[in-house]
Protein backbone atom coordinates (compact mmCIF):
# COMPACT_ATOMS: atom_id res chain seq x y z
CA MET A 1 25.23 -37.92 -29.19
CA GLY A 2 26.54 -39.13 -25.84
CA LYS A 3 28.46 -35.91 -25.16
CA ILE A 4 25.46 -33.72 -26.02
CA ASP A 5 23.19 -35.86 -23.82
CA GLU A 6 25.61 -35.54 -20.91
CA MET A 7 25.75 -31.76 -21.36
CA LEU A 8 21.94 -31.48 -21.50
CA ILE A 9 21.55 -33.65 -18.39
CA GLY A 10 24.17 -31.54 -16.59
CA MET A 11 22.41 -28.31 -17.57
CA LYS A 12 19.06 -29.75 -16.44
CA VAL A 13 20.51 -30.75 -13.06
CA ARG A 14 22.14 -27.31 -12.57
CA ALA A 15 18.91 -25.54 -13.55
CA TYR A 16 16.88 -27.75 -11.19
CA CYS A 17 19.31 -27.13 -8.30
CA ALA A 18 19.33 -23.38 -8.96
CA LEU A 19 15.52 -23.30 -9.03
CA GLU A 20 15.26 -25.26 -5.78
CA GLU A 21 17.82 -22.98 -4.14
CA PHE A 22 15.85 -19.93 -5.31
CA LYS A 23 12.56 -21.35 -4.00
CA ASN A 24 13.98 -22.37 -0.63
CA SER A 25 16.29 -19.42 -0.05
CA GLU A 26 15.09 -16.95 2.57
CA ARG A 27 17.70 -14.25 2.11
CA GLY A 28 16.04 -10.86 2.49
CA ASP A 29 12.52 -12.27 2.42
CA THR A 30 11.82 -11.43 6.04
CA ASN A 31 12.73 -7.79 5.62
CA PHE A 32 10.73 -7.51 2.42
CA VAL A 33 7.60 -8.97 4.02
CA SER A 34 8.05 -6.75 7.08
CA MET A 35 8.28 -3.66 4.91
CA LEU A 36 5.13 -4.65 3.00
CA ILE A 37 3.23 -5.10 6.26
CA ILE A 38 4.44 -1.74 7.61
CA ILE A 39 3.52 0.03 4.36
CA GLY A 40 0.07 -1.59 4.47
CA ILE A 41 -0.49 -0.41 8.06
CA VAL A 42 0.61 3.13 7.16
CA VAL A 43 -1.74 3.23 4.17
CA VAL A 44 -4.68 2.02 6.29
CA LEU A 45 -3.94 4.56 9.03
CA ALA A 46 -3.60 7.36 6.47
CA GLY A 47 -6.93 6.40 4.91
CA ALA A 48 -8.61 6.30 8.31
CA PHE A 49 -7.13 9.66 9.23
CA LEU A 50 -8.32 11.20 5.96
CA ALA A 51 -11.81 9.79 6.45
CA LEU A 52 -12.15 10.59 10.15
CA GLY A 53 -9.78 13.54 10.36
CA LYS A 54 -12.16 15.96 8.69
CA ASP A 55 -14.91 15.26 11.22
CA VAL A 56 -12.50 15.50 14.15
CA MET A 57 -10.99 18.76 12.92
CA THR A 58 -14.47 20.21 12.31
CA GLY A 59 -15.50 19.28 15.85
CA VAL A 60 -12.33 20.70 17.39
CA THR A 61 -12.66 23.91 15.39
CA LYS A 62 -16.31 24.26 16.47
CA SER A 63 -15.41 23.67 20.13
CA VAL A 64 -12.58 26.21 20.05
CA THR A 65 -14.73 28.78 18.26
CA ASP A 66 -17.56 28.29 20.78
CA PHE A 67 -15.11 28.61 23.67
CA ILE A 68 -13.65 31.82 22.24
CA LYS A 69 -17.12 33.32 21.78
CA ASN A 70 -18.40 32.18 25.17
CA PRO A 71 -15.52 31.35 27.56
CA THR A 72 -17.72 30.20 30.45
CA PRO A 73 -17.05 26.56 31.26
CA LYS A 74 -19.86 24.09 30.73
CA LYS A 75 -21.09 22.20 33.76
CA PHE A 76 -21.42 18.46 33.38
CA SER A 77 -24.29 16.80 35.13
């Protein structure tokens, strides 16, 4: 039983060391987190553009159409 116990203890120590190395390793984590943040920003901007873009485009189209129909400049007070 002594040999089996030594093997089990050795496997437990290797597994513990591998787990600690995995938890504490920072290889590639920074790039992964950066990409997630950038993707999140892009999704938020796309959602804002879809929500506000229709109103903006409607206003621009109305202004251009009004200008084409009546090209006199408006005077600001």
